[in-house]
Structure formats: C-alpha cells, structure tokens
Protein backbone atom coordinates (compact mmCIF):
# COMPACT_ATOMS: atom_id res chain seq x y z
CA UNK A 1 27.02 -4.49 -16.95
CA UNK A 2 27.45 -8.07 -15.70
CA UNK A 3 30.78 -9.64 -16.70
CA UNK A 4 32.63 -12.78 -15.65
CA UNK A 5 36.12 -12.45 -14.32
CA UNK A 6 38.68 -15.03 -14.31
CA UNK A 7 40.89 -14.67 -10.87
CA UNK A 8 43.96 -16.66 -9.34
CA UNK A 9 44.97 -16.77 -5.88
CA UNK A 10 45.72 -18.91 -2.73
CA UNK A 11 42.65 -20.27 -1.00
CA UNK A 12 42.88 -21.03 2.82
CA UNK A 13 40.78 -24.06 3.77
CA UNK A 14 40.05 -24.36 7.48
CA UNK A 15 39.87 -27.69 9.45
CA UNK A 16 36.04 -27.66 9.36
CA UNK A 17 35.85 -28.10 5.57
CA UNK A 18 38.87 -30.56 5.03
CA UNK A 19 36.32 -33.41 4.74
CA UNK A 20 34.72 -32.19 2.00
CA UNK A 21 35.77 -32.70 -1.95
CA UNK A 22 38.62 -29.95 -2.75
CA UNK A 23 36.51 -28.21 -5.30
CA UNK A 24 33.28 -28.09 -2.92
CA UNK A 25 35.74 -26.71 0.04
CA UNK A 26 37.26 -24.11 -2.24
CA UNK A 27 34.02 -22.80 -3.49
CA UNK A 28 32.65 -22.79 -0.01
CA UNK A 29 35.64 -20.27 1.22
CA UNK A 30 35.45 -18.44 -1.85
CA UNK A 31 31.79 -17.63 -1.86
CA UNK A 32 32.17 -16.67 1.90
CA UNK A 33 35.17 -14.20 1.08
CA UNK A 34 33.96 -12.56 -2.14
CA UNK A 35 29.99 -12.94 -2.25
CA UNK A 36 28.33 -9.43 -1.87
CA UNK A 37 31.55 -7.60 -1.49
CA UNK A 38 32.43 -4.44 -3.28
CA UNK A 39 35.89 -4.51 -5.37
CA UNK A 40 37.10 -1.17 -6.16
CA UNK A 41 37.16 -0.52 -10.06
CA UNK A 42 35.57 -3.82 -10.35
CA UNK A 43 32.13 -3.59 -8.73
CA UNK A 44 29.87 -5.84 -6.83
CA UNK A 45 30.75 -9.67 -6.79
CA UNK A 46 27.45 -11.40 -7.32
CA UNK A 47 28.58 -15.09 -7.06
CA UNK A 48 31.69 -17.40 -7.45
CA UNK A 49 30.57 -19.57 -10.41
CA UNK A 50 33.36 -21.94 -10.69
CA UNK A 51 36.68 -22.77 -9.23
CA UNK A 52 39.80 -25.35 -9.86
CA UNK A 53 42.21 -25.94 -7.28
CA UNK A 54 45.84 -27.39 -7.52
CA UNK A 55 45.49 -31.31 -6.06
CA UNK A 56 48.52 -30.47 -3.74
CA UNK A 57 48.35 -27.79 -1.17
CA UNK A 58 50.62 -26.38 1.41
CA UNK A 59 50.47 -26.63 5.24
CA UNK A 60 51.85 -23.97 7.30
CA UNK A 61 53.57 -24.81 10.53
CA UNK A 62 51.12 -24.04 13.74
CA UNK A 63 48.16 -23.94 11.53
CA UNK A 64 45.63 -26.61 10.69
CA UNK A 65 44.63 -25.08 7.45
CA UNK A 66 45.56 -26.33 4.01
CA UNK A 67 46.43 -23.83 1.30
CA UNK A 68 45.88 -24.59 -2.39
CA UNK A 69 46.70 -22.24 -5.25
CA UNK A 70 43.04 -21.93 -7.27
CA UNK A 71 41.59 -20.36 -10.33
CA UNK A 72 38.19 -19.18 -10.11
CA UNK A 73 35.40 -17.19 -12.00
CA UNK A 74 33.40 -14.42 -10.42
CA UNK A 75 29.85 -13.12 -11.62
CA UNK A 76 30.46 -9.44 -11.21
CA UNK A 77 28.18 -6.60 -11.84
CA UNK A 78 30.28 -3.33 -12.83
CA UNK A 79 28.07 -0.28 -13.10
CA UNK A 80 29.02 1.63 -16.25
CA UNK A 81 29.06 5.59 -17.01
CA UNK A 82 26.16 6.33 -19.49
CA UNK A 83 24.69 2.57 -19.09
CA UNK A 84 20.64 2.59 -19.12
CA UNK A 85 19.42 0.54 -16.27
CA UNK A 86 16.09 -0.47 -15.24
CA UNK A 87 14.93 -0.62 -11.19
CA UNK A 88 12.17 -0.40 -8.50
CA UNK A 89 12.07 2.67 -6.41
CA UNK A 90 12.79 1.90 -2.90
CA UNK A 91 12.46 4.99 -1.18
CA UNK A 92 11.01 8.35 -1.68
CA UNK A 93 12.41 11.41 -0.05
CA UNK A 94 12.84 15.25 -0.37
CA UNK A 95 16.17 15.03 -1.67
CA UNK A 96 15.22 12.33 -4.30
CA UNK A 97 14.73 8.64 -4.81
CA UNK A 98 16.65 5.28 -4.09
CA UNK A 99 16.59 2.86 -7.03
CA UNK A 100 17.60 -0.75 -6.62
CA UNK A 101 19.17 -2.24 -9.92
CA UNK A 102 19.97 -5.62 -9.51
CA UNK A 103 22.42 -6.18 -6.67
CA UNK A 104 23.16 -2.40 -6.17
CA UNK A 105 21.19 0.72 -5.37
CA UNK A 106 21.42 3.86 -7.20
CA UNK A 107 20.09 7.55 -6.12
CA UNK A 108 18.40 9.80 -8.39
CA UNK A 109 18.17 13.71 -6.99
CA UNK A 110 15.22 15.39 -7.24
CA UNK A 111 16.33 17.57 -9.98
CA UNK A 112 17.25 14.60 -12.00
CA UNK A 113 13.82 13.08 -11.68
CA UNK A 114 11.94 15.27 -14.23
CA UNK A 115 12.89 17.84 -16.84
CA UNK A 116 10.71 20.33 -14.67
CA UNK A 117 10.39 21.28 -10.80
CA UNK A 118 9.10 18.50 -8.66
CA UNK A 119 7.40 18.65 -5.39
CA UNK A 120 7.54 15.83 -2.35
CA UNK A 121 4.55 14.96 -0.39
CA UNK A 122 5.66 13.43 2.86
CA UNK A 123 1.99 12.33 3.49
CA UNK A 124 1.56 10.48 0.46
CA UNK A 125 5.06 9.34 -0.03
CA UNK A 126 5.74 10.56 -3.48
CA UNK A 127 7.25 13.15 -5.85
CA UNK A 128 5.05 15.06 -8.46
CA UNK A 129 6.14 16.91 -11.68
CA UNK A 130 4.69 20.81 -11.03
CA UNK A 131 3.60 20.85 -14.56
CA UNK A 132 3.09 17.60 -16.09
CA UNK A 133 1.32 16.10 -12.97
CA UNK A 134 3.64 12.89 -13.50
CA UNK A 135 3.95 10.99 -10.12
CA UNK A 136 6.77 8.97 -8.89
CA UNK A 137 6.40 6.52 -5.74
CA UNK A 138 7.67 3.56 -3.97
CA UNK A 139 7.57 0.60 -5.96
CA UNK A 140 7.27 2.17 -9.43
CA UNK A 141 9.57 0.47 -12.11
CA UNK A 142 11.77 3.13 -13.84
CA UNK A 143 14.76 3.45 -16.47
CA UNK A 144 17.47 5.55 -15.56
CA UNK A 145 21.00 6.42 -17.02
CA UNK A 146 23.95 6.11 -14.86
CA UNK A 147 26.04 9.74 -14.70
CA UNK A 148 28.34 8.89 -11.81
CA UNK A 149 30.08 6.01 -10.11
CA UNK A 150 32.33 6.10 -7.02
CA UNK A 151 33.96 4.05 -4.58
CA UNK A 152 34.53 5.06 -1.14
CA UNK A 153 37.07 4.04 1.41
CA UNK A 154 35.15 1.30 3.45
CA UNK A 155 33.97 -1.86 2.19
CA UNK A 156 30.48 -1.96 0.52
CA UNK A 157 30.88 1.36 -0.21
CA UNK A 158 29.62 2.24 -3.74
CA UNK A 159 27.74 5.21 -4.85
CA UNK A 160 25.73 5.17 -8.19
CA UNK A 161 24.12 8.44 -9.37
CA UNK A 162 21.32 8.25 -11.87
CA UNK A 163 19.30 10.71 -14.06
CA UNK A 164 15.92 10.26 -15.53
CA UNK A 165 15.70 13.48 -17.24
CA UNK A 166 16.45 12.57 -20.90
CA UNK A 167 14.06 11.46 -23.40
CA UNK A 168 12.30 7.98 -22.80
CA UNK A 169 14.01 7.61 -19.19
CA UNK A 170 11.68 7.82 -15.80
CA UNK A 171 8.67 5.55 -14.67
CA UNK A 172 7.90 2.78 -17.37
CA UNK A 173 4.38 4.16 -17.58
CA UNK A 174 5.31 7.74 -18.59
CA UNK A 175 7.77 6.08 -21.23
CA UNK A 176 4.73 3.98 -22.55
CA UNK A 177 2.64 7.33 -22.80
CA UNK A 178 5.53 8.97 -24.44
CA UNK A 179 5.53 6.04 -27.22
CA UNK A 180 1.92 6.13 -27.81
CA UNK A 181 1.96 9.80 -28.54
CA UNK A 182 5.07 9.48 -30.90
CA UNK A 183 3.14 6.52 -32.89
CA UNK A 184 -0.01 8.69 -33.21
CA UNK A 185 2.18 11.53 -34.39
CA UNK A 186 4.07 9.26 -37.04
CA UNK A 187 0.69 7.58 -38.13
CA UNK A 188 -0.91 11.21 -38.94
CA UNK A 189 2.43 12.09 -40.57
CA UNK A 190 2.17 9.01 -42.69
CA UNK A 191 -1.67 9.60 -43.31
CA UNK A 192 -1.00 13.31 -44.58
CA UNK A 193 1.74 12.31 -46.69
CA UNK A 194 -0.44 9.54 -48.68
CA UNK A 195 -3.17 12.30 -48.81
CA UNK A 196 -0.36 14.77 -50.39
CA UNK A 197 0.56 12.08 -52.76
CA UNK A 198 -2.66 11.07 -53.92
CA UNK A 199 -3.50 14.72 -54.80
CA UNK A 200 -0.34 15.26 -56.64
CA UNK A 201 -1.39 12.11 -58.93
CA UNK A 202 -4.72 13.76 -59.75
C-alpha cells in the first residue's frame, strides 16, 4: 500500500548546498538521506515529495553547515499482510520465484506457486505444475497475496513472502483462463434456467 507520511525534524544543509534556495537545499538533503531507505514498520521510502523549512536556522561552532527545522512529506510503500499485489517474475529458482512489485521484491516458495506439486527445469529456467501443466517463467506478470512481512536488523532488509495458491492468483494468463471458464459455466447455467422456465410455462 502506498501512503503519504508527514514528518518533522532538523535538516543539516552542508556548505556545498548553501547557495541554493532553502527549499531546494532541504529537498536535496532529504532525498539523499531517505530515498530508497527501508524504515522499520513503515516500509520503503519511494520519494520525498515536499518540504517546508523554518527560515532561520542554527549554526554549530566548528561546523560550516546550517541546521533548519523542517516538515516534509514522504511517499512510502508499506507491504500489508493479505494485500493482493501484481508484479513481474525476476528470478526462477528451484526453491521458488522472486517477484518485483513496485519498489520492493517478494518471494514465492515453490510450495506456494500452485495448489499442486511443481517441477523446476534448470535448462528452461521455469517451473511447471505436474498436473495442470501450467508454466511460470521469468518475465511473466503475476498476481499474489502477501502472507509475511519482516524487517531485518540491517538497513535495506525487508522480506516479503507471497502466495499464489488461492483462487484467481498466479500468472495473469492462468487467471484469464479461469475467468473464461467461469463465464462459460455461468452462461450455461443461465441458458439451462431459461429452458426450465420455458417448459414450466407450457
């Protein structure tokens, strides 16, 4: 889930940026500091959208920088449990697949790819369902549900676990096939119902 987060703090503007207008200098510092960072329990900072700084700052003896109190807005992606996401398969391995979903990557264990046993082909770099014959390879676009989110002790450590075993999840081609089948069944049921009603009227 993408969200806007309002923050407040003190921004250190180094001498190299003092010639810029205050707002530009503050945005430059904040984007360097926060862009792409993983913040525990918040998610990944995609961008710093806006900032307003107090006109008067502070100078610390022995430091040529200026310190300004600022209020700023972050665009953050927070992976939420049970959220349905779409992304592209980046890596196919024997243990599962890695999916790029916006600013983060998620992992689908091989047991969570299909509701059946899957085989991995190293030569073709794909996984295939042993019963259905469904194939998943690098570059495929998939829909999955987030089932686990954890933050590591190191910076940039965000782990997202995904599943594709539930109905209408998986490769978008599989989902289109399922929808077409469901439409045909619904049409057949409507047709059968109309036939029964017509017979009843006679």
